[in-house]
């Protein structure tokens, strides 16, 4: 009889320990689930940021290409302006030499 009581007490203790352990595991699992949810949210936000970054990078490349084209056009215009300026200077120099020659 006493052996059965001891066995029952041991069983009660084991069951109580098992319940405590299960509760601890539940708390650990709940904490891990919260961390997983937060990481999934962070991952989704990062994916959105990366998508926006790629879009802005594409827009910046378009702007750089446009500015390079504008720069080349300005170089051409500047070269034409320089040619006209040199022609005008030569013309004035030629007229001045003719004037002095006369």
N, C-alpha and C. Protein backbone atom coordinates (compact mmCIF):
# COMPACT_ATOMS: atom_id res chain seq x y z
N UNK A 1 0.80 -1.18 0.00
CA UNK A 1 0.00 0.00 0.00
C UNK A 1 0.86 1.27 0.00
N UNK A 2 1.89 1.27 0.84
CA UNK A 2 2.75 2.43 0.90
C UNK A 2 3.53 2.59 -0.40
N UNK A 3 3.86 1.49 -1.04
CA UNK A 3 4.56 1.55 -2.32
C UNK A 3 3.66 2.21 -3.35
N UNK A 4 2.39 1.86 -3.32
CA UNK A 4 1.46 2.48 -4.26
C UNK A 4 1.33 3.97 -3.99
N UNK A 5 1.31 4.37 -2.71
CA UNK A 5 1.23 5.80 -2.37
C UNK A 5 2.47 6.54 -2.84
N UNK A 6 3.64 5.90 -2.64
CA UNK A 6 4.88 6.51 -3.09
C UNK A 6 4.89 6.64 -4.61
N UNK A 7 4.41 5.60 -5.28
CA UNK A 7 4.34 5.64 -6.73
C UNK A 7 3.38 6.74 -7.20
N UNK A 8 2.24 6.88 -6.51
CA UNK A 8 1.27 7.91 -6.86
C UNK A 8 1.88 9.31 -6.65
N UNK A 9 2.59 9.48 -5.54
CA UNK A 9 3.22 10.75 -5.26
C UNK A 9 4.28 11.08 -6.31
N UNK A 10 5.06 10.08 -6.68
CA UNK A 10 6.07 10.29 -7.72
C UNK A 10 5.39 10.64 -9.03
N UNK A 11 4.29 9.95 -9.34
CA UNK A 11 3.57 10.24 -10.57
C UNK A 11 3.02 11.67 -10.55
N UNK A 12 2.48 12.08 -9.39
CA UNK A 12 1.95 13.44 -9.26
C UNK A 12 3.06 14.47 -9.48
N UNK A 13 4.22 14.18 -8.88
CA UNK A 13 5.37 15.09 -9.02
C UNK A 13 5.80 15.14 -10.48
N UNK A 14 5.88 13.99 -11.13
CA UNK A 14 6.28 13.95 -12.54
C UNK A 14 5.28 14.68 -13.42
N UNK A 15 3.99 14.48 -13.12
CA UNK A 15 2.96 15.18 -13.90
C UNK A 15 3.06 16.69 -13.69
N UNK A 16 3.26 17.12 -12.46
CA UNK A 16 3.41 18.55 -12.16
C UNK A 16 4.64 19.12 -12.87
N UNK A 17 5.74 18.38 -12.83
CA UNK A 17 6.95 18.82 -13.53
C UNK A 17 6.71 18.90 -15.03
N UNK A 18 5.99 17.91 -15.54
CA UNK A 18 5.68 17.89 -16.99
C UNK A 18 4.82 19.10 -17.36
N UNK A 19 3.85 19.43 -16.50
CA UNK A 19 2.99 20.58 -16.77
C UNK A 19 3.81 21.86 -16.75
N UNK A 20 4.70 21.99 -15.77
CA UNK A 20 5.56 23.18 -15.69
C UNK A 20 6.45 23.27 -16.92
N UNK A 21 7.02 22.14 -17.33
CA UNK A 21 7.88 22.11 -18.50
C UNK A 21 7.10 22.47 -19.76
N UNK A 22 5.88 21.93 -19.88
CA UNK A 22 5.04 22.25 -21.04
C UNK A 22 4.72 23.75 -21.08
N UNK A 23 4.44 24.34 -19.93
CA UNK A 23 4.15 25.78 -19.89
C UNK A 23 5.38 26.59 -20.30
N UNK A 24 6.54 26.18 -19.83
CA UNK A 24 7.77 26.87 -20.22
C UNK A 24 7.98 26.76 -21.72
N UNK A 25 7.73 25.56 -22.25
CA UNK A 25 7.88 25.37 -23.70
C UNK A 25 6.88 26.24 -24.47
N UNK A 26 5.66 26.34 -23.94
CA UNK A 26 4.67 27.18 -24.60
C UNK A 26 5.12 28.64 -24.62
N UNK A 27 5.69 29.10 -23.51
CA UNK A 27 6.20 30.49 -23.47
C UNK A 27 7.34 30.68 -24.46
N UNK A 28 8.23 29.70 -24.52
CA UNK A 28 9.35 29.78 -25.46
C UNK A 28 8.83 29.79 -26.89
N UNK A 29 7.88 28.91 -27.20
CA UNK A 29 7.32 28.85 -28.55
C UNK A 29 6.61 30.16 -28.90
N UNK A 30 5.86 30.72 -27.93
CA UNK A 30 5.17 31.99 -28.18
C UNK A 30 6.17 33.10 -28.46
N UNK A 31 7.26 33.14 -27.68
CA UNK A 31 8.29 34.17 -27.89
C UNK A 31 8.95 34.00 -29.26
N UNK A 32 9.22 32.75 -29.63
CA UNK A 32 9.83 32.49 -30.94
C UNK A 32 8.88 32.87 -32.07
N UNK A 33 7.60 32.59 -31.90
CA UNK A 33 6.62 32.97 -32.92
C UNK A 33 6.56 34.48 -33.09
N UNK A 34 6.64 35.23 -31.98
CA UNK A 34 6.66 36.69 -32.07
C UNK A 34 7.90 37.17 -32.82
N UNK A 35 9.04 36.56 -32.51
CA UNK A 35 10.27 36.95 -33.21
C UNK A 35 10.17 36.63 -34.69
N UNK A 36 9.60 35.48 -35.02
CA UNK A 36 9.44 35.10 -36.44
C UNK A 36 8.55 36.10 -37.15
N UNK A 37 7.44 36.47 -36.51
CA UNK A 37 6.53 37.45 -37.12
C UNK A 37 7.23 38.79 -37.34
N UNK A 38 8.01 39.21 -36.35
CA UNK A 38 8.74 40.48 -36.49
C UNK A 38 9.75 40.39 -37.63
N UNK A 39 10.47 39.28 -37.71
CA UNK A 39 11.46 39.12 -38.77
C UNK A 39 10.79 39.07 -40.14
N UNK A 40 9.64 38.41 -40.23
CA UNK A 40 8.91 38.37 -41.51
C UNK A 40 8.46 39.77 -41.91
N UNK A 41 7.99 40.55 -40.92
CA UNK A 41 7.58 41.93 -41.20
C UNK A 41 8.78 42.75 -41.66
N UNK A 42 9.90 42.61 -40.94
CA UNK A 42 11.12 43.33 -41.32
C UNK A 42 11.58 42.93 -42.72
N UNK A 43 11.48 41.65 -43.02
CA UNK A 43 11.88 41.15 -44.34
C UNK A 43 11.00 41.75 -45.44
N UNK A 44 9.70 41.82 -45.17
CA UNK A 44 8.79 42.42 -46.16
C UNK A 44 9.12 43.91 -46.35
N UNK A 45 9.42 44.61 -45.26
CA UNK A 45 9.79 46.03 -45.37
C UNK A 45 11.08 46.20 -46.15
N UNK A 46 12.05 45.31 -45.91
CA UNK A 46 13.32 45.38 -46.63
C UNK A 46 13.10 45.12 -48.13
N UNK A 47 12.23 44.16 -48.43
CA UNK A 47 11.94 43.88 -49.84
C UNK A 47 11.32 45.10 -50.50
N UNK A 48 10.44 45.80 -49.78
CA UNK A 48 9.82 47.01 -50.31
C UNK A 48 10.86 48.11 -50.51
N UNK A 49 11.74 48.25 -49.53
CA UNK A 49 12.81 49.26 -49.65
C UNK A 49 13.72 48.94 -50.83
N UNK A 50 14.03 47.65 -51.00
CA UNK A 50 14.89 47.26 -52.13
C UNK A 50 14.21 47.55 -53.46
N UNK A 51 12.89 47.30 -53.52
CA UNK A 51 12.13 47.58 -54.74
C UNK A 51 12.16 49.08 -55.04
N UNK A 52 11.96 49.91 -54.00
CA UNK A 52 12.01 51.36 -54.18
C UNK A 52 13.41 51.81 -54.60
N UNK A 53 14.43 51.18 -54.01
CA UNK A 53 15.81 51.52 -54.35
C UNK A 53 16.09 51.22 -55.82
N UNK A 54 15.64 50.06 -56.28
CA UNK A 54 15.85 49.72 -57.69
C UNK A 54 15.15 50.71 -58.60
N UNK A 55 13.93 51.11 -58.23
CA UNK A 55 13.20 52.08 -59.03
C UNK A 55 13.95 53.41 -59.08
N UNK A 56 14.37 53.89 -57.90
CA UNK A 56 15.08 55.17 -57.86
C UNK A 56 16.42 55.08 -58.59
N UNK A 57 17.08 53.94 -58.49
CA UNK A 57 18.34 53.75 -59.21
C UNK A 57 18.10 53.85 -60.72
N UNK A 58 17.02 53.23 -61.18
CA UNK A 58 16.68 53.33 -62.60
C UNK A 58 16.39 54.76 -63.01
N UNK A 59 15.65 55.49 -62.16
CA UNK A 59 15.35 56.89 -62.45
C UNK A 59 16.63 57.73 -62.48
N UNK A 60 17.53 57.45 -61.56
CA UNK A 60 18.80 58.19 -61.55
C UNK A 60 19.62 57.90 -62.80
N UNK A 61 19.62 56.66 -63.26
CA UNK A 61 20.34 56.33 -64.49
C UNK A 61 19.74 57.07 -65.68
N UNK A 62 18.41 57.17 -65.71
CA UNK A 62 17.75 57.92 -66.78
C UNK A 62 18.18 59.39 -66.73
N UNK A 63 18.20 59.95 -65.52
CA UNK A 63 18.59 61.36 -65.35
C UNK A 63 20.04 61.57 -65.75
N UNK A 64 20.92 60.65 -65.37
CA UNK A 64 22.34 60.76 -65.74
C UNK A 64 22.48 60.70 -67.25
N UNK A 65 21.75 59.80 -67.91
CA UNK A 65 21.82 59.72 -69.37
C UNK A 65 21.35 61.02 -70.01
N UNK A 66 20.25 61.56 -69.49
CA UNK A 66 19.73 62.82 -70.02
C UNK A 66 20.75 63.94 -69.83
N UNK A 67 21.35 64.01 -68.66
CA UNK A 67 22.34 65.05 -68.40
C UNK A 67 23.58 64.88 -69.27
N UNK A 68 23.99 63.64 -69.53
CA UNK A 68 25.12 63.40 -70.42
C UNK A 68 24.81 63.87 -71.84
N UNK A 69 23.57 63.61 -72.29
CA UNK A 69 23.17 64.08 -73.62
C UNK A 69 23.17 65.61 -73.66
N UNK A 70 22.63 66.23 -72.59
CA UNK A 70 22.62 67.69 -72.52
C UNK A 70 24.05 68.23 -72.53
N UNK A 71 24.95 67.56 -71.82
CA UNK A 71 26.35 67.99 -71.77
C UNK A 71 26.98 67.92 -73.17
N UNK A 72 26.73 66.84 -73.88
CA UNK A 72 27.27 66.71 -75.23
C UNK A 72 26.70 67.78 -76.16
N UNK A 73 25.42 68.07 -76.01
CA UNK A 73 24.80 69.11 -76.83
C UNK A 73 25.43 70.48 -76.51
N UNK A 74 25.66 70.74 -75.25
CA UNK A 74 26.29 72.01 -74.86
C UNK A 74 27.73 72.09 -75.38
N UNK A 75 28.43 70.97 -75.38
CA UNK A 75 29.79 70.96 -75.94
C UNK A 75 29.76 71.32 -77.42
N UNK A 76 28.79 70.75 -78.14
CA UNK A 76 28.67 71.05 -79.57
C UNK A 76 28.35 72.53 -79.77
N UNK A 77 27.39 73.04 -78.99
CA UNK A 77 27.03 74.45 -79.10
C UNK A 77 28.22 75.35 -78.75
N UNK A 78 28.97 74.96 -77.75
CA UNK A 78 30.14 75.73 -77.34
C UNK A 78 31.19 75.74 -78.45
N UNK A 79 31.40 74.59 -79.09
CA UNK A 79 32.36 74.52 -80.19
C UNK A 79 31.93 75.43 -81.34
N UNK A 80 30.63 75.42 -81.65
CA UNK A 80 30.11 76.30 -82.72
C UNK A 80 30.30 77.77 -82.33
N UNK A 81 29.99 78.08 -81.07
CA UNK A 81 30.16 79.45 -80.60
C UNK A 81 31.62 79.88 -80.70
N UNK A 82 32.53 78.99 -80.31
CA UNK A 82 33.96 79.30 -80.40
C UNK A 82 34.37 79.56 -81.85
N UNK A 83 33.87 78.74 -82.77
CA UNK A 83 34.20 78.93 -84.19
C UNK A 83 33.71 80.29 -84.67
N UNK A 84 32.48 80.66 -84.31
CA UNK A 84 31.95 81.95 -84.73
C UNK A 84 32.72 83.10 -84.10
N UNK A 85 33.10 82.92 -82.85
CA UNK A 85 33.86 83.96 -82.16
C UNK A 85 35.23 84.14 -82.83
N UNK A 86 35.88 83.02 -83.15
CA UNK A 86 37.17 83.10 -83.83
C UNK A 86 37.02 83.75 -85.20
N UNK A 87 35.95 83.40 -85.89
CA UNK A 87 35.71 84.01 -87.20
C UNK A 87 35.51 85.52 -87.05
N UNK A 88 34.75 85.93 -86.06
CA UNK A 88 34.53 87.36 -85.83
C UNK A 88 35.83 88.06 -85.48
N UNK A 89 36.64 87.44 -84.65
CA UNK A 89 37.93 88.05 -84.29
C UNK A 89 38.83 88.17 -85.51
N UNK A 90 38.86 87.14 -86.33
CA UNK A 90 39.67 87.21 -87.55
C UNK A 90 39.15 88.29 -88.49
N UNK A 91 37.84 88.39 -88.58
CA UNK A 91 37.24 89.40 -89.45
C UNK A 91 37.61 90.81 -88.96
N UNK A 92 37.51 91.01 -87.65
CA UNK A 92 37.85 92.32 -87.09
C UNK A 92 39.34 92.60 -87.27
N UNK A 93 40.14 91.58 -87.07
CA UNK A 93 41.58 91.75 -87.23
C UNK A 93 41.89 92.08 -88.69
N UNK A 94 41.25 91.41 -89.62
CA UNK A 94 41.47 91.63 -91.04
C UNK A 94 41.02 93.04 -91.43
N UNK A 95 39.82 93.46 -90.91
CA UNK A 95 39.33 94.82 -91.20
C UNK A 95 40.26 95.87 -90.61
N UNK A 96 40.77 95.63 -89.44
CA UNK A 96 41.68 96.57 -88.80
C UNK A 96 42.97 96.67 -89.59
N UNK A 97 43.48 95.54 -90.06
CA UNK A 97 44.71 95.59 -90.84
C UNK A 97 44.47 96.31 -92.17
N UNK A 98 43.30 96.14 -92.77
CA UNK A 98 42.98 96.85 -94.00
C UNK A 98 42.87 98.34 -93.73
N UNK A 99 42.27 98.68 -92.62
CA UNK A 99 42.10 100.07 -92.25
C UNK A 99 43.46 100.72 -92.01
N UNK A 100 44.32 100.02 -91.32
CA UNK A 100 45.65 100.56 -91.06
C UNK A 100 46.48 100.60 -92.34
N UNK A 101 46.26 99.72 -93.22
CA UNK A 101 47.01 99.64 -94.47
C UNK A 101 46.67 100.82 -95.38
N UNK A 102 45.42 101.20 -95.33
CA UNK A 102 44.99 102.30 -96.18
C UNK A 102 45.56 103.53 -95.62
